[in-house]
């Protein structure tokens, strides 16, 4: 995905992890910085926040969390 205004590129990843009958779906939004600078990093963080908010608004079943795959597996 590319921001048409500033030409920054982003990757949206969806990961599915299963264990027996349990499932964990994770979505990650990552910015691609080449070369990374502080100003670019701030811009990308702002864009990622915008993309994430839009996805959550559009797909109401998405829930923001800090749960990691490792934490999820430990709780099984």
Protein backbone atom coordinates (compact mmCIF):
# COMPACT_ATOMS: atom_id res chain seq x y z
CA UNK A 1 0.00 0.00 0.00
CA UNK A 2 1.31 3.47 -0.79
CA UNK A 3 0.32 6.87 0.56
CA UNK A 4 -0.47 8.84 -2.61
CA UNK A 5 0.49 12.14 -1.04
CA UNK A 6 3.92 11.44 0.46
CA UNK A 7 4.72 8.20 -1.44
CA UNK A 8 5.48 6.29 1.79
CA UNK A 9 4.94 2.53 1.49
CA UNK A 10 3.16 0.32 4.01
CA UNK A 11 2.63 -3.39 4.45
CA UNK A 12 -0.52 -4.81 6.05
CA UNK A 13 0.02 -8.37 7.28
CA UNK A 14 -2.57 -10.83 8.53
CA UNK A 15 -1.36 -13.82 10.50
CA UNK A 16 -3.41 -16.82 11.64
CA UNK A 17 -2.15 -19.07 14.41
CA UNK A 18 -4.03 -22.21 15.45
CA UNK A 19 -3.65 -24.65 18.30
CA UNK A 20 -6.25 -27.43 18.61
CA UNK A 21 -9.55 -25.55 18.42
CA UNK A 22 -8.11 -22.15 19.41
CA UNK A 23 -7.30 -19.49 16.83
CA UNK A 24 -5.50 -16.19 16.97
CA UNK A 25 -5.65 -13.73 14.10
CA UNK A 26 -3.25 -10.81 14.11
CA UNK A 27 -3.03 -7.84 11.82
CA UNK A 28 0.08 -5.71 11.63
CA UNK A 29 0.61 -2.43 9.83
CA UNK A 30 4.25 -1.71 9.08
CA UNK A 31 5.91 1.25 7.45
CA UNK A 32 8.77 0.76 5.01
CA UNK A 33 11.46 3.38 5.64
CA UNK A 34 14.27 3.74 3.11
CA UNK A 35 16.38 5.49 4.38
CA UNK A 36 15.04 5.95 7.93
CA UNK A 37 15.21 9.48 9.31
CA UNK A 38 13.56 10.97 12.42
CA UNK A 39 11.23 13.15 10.32
CA UNK A 40 10.24 10.23 8.08
CA UNK A 41 9.73 8.02 11.13
CA UNK A 42 7.31 10.53 12.68
CA UNK A 43 5.43 10.78 9.37
CA UNK A 44 5.18 6.98 9.06
CA UNK A 45 3.98 6.60 12.68
CA UNK A 46 1.27 9.17 11.99
CA UNK A 47 0.22 7.32 8.83
CA UNK A 48 0.18 3.94 10.63
CA UNK A 49 -2.08 5.40 13.33
CA UNK A 50 -4.42 6.71 10.62
CA UNK A 51 -4.46 3.39 8.72
CA UNK A 52 -5.08 1.43 11.92
CA UNK A 53 -7.95 3.68 13.00
CA UNK A 54 -9.57 3.38 9.56
CA UNK A 55 -9.29 -0.43 9.59
CA UNK A 56 -10.78 -0.65 13.10
CA UNK A 57 -13.62 1.68 12.13
CA UNK A 58 -14.38 -0.23 8.93
CA UNK A 59 -14.00 -3.75 10.37
CA UNK A 60 -15.67 -3.57 13.77
CA UNK A 61 -14.62 -7.11 14.69
CA UNK A 62 -10.97 -5.97 14.88
CA UNK A 63 -9.89 -5.26 18.44
CA UNK A 64 -6.69 -3.36 19.33
CA UNK A 65 -4.52 -5.34 21.74
CA UNK A 66 -0.97 -5.68 22.97
CA UNK A 67 -1.32 -9.48 23.10
CA UNK A 68 1.61 -11.22 21.45
CA UNK A 69 1.53 -14.62 19.82
CA UNK A 70 3.91 -15.92 22.50
CA UNK A 71 1.63 -14.69 25.31
CA UNK A 72 -1.36 -16.28 23.59
CA UNK A 73 0.45 -19.62 23.28
CA UNK A 74 1.56 -19.51 26.93
CA UNK A 75 -2.09 -19.13 28.04
CA UNK A 76 -3.27 -22.24 26.17
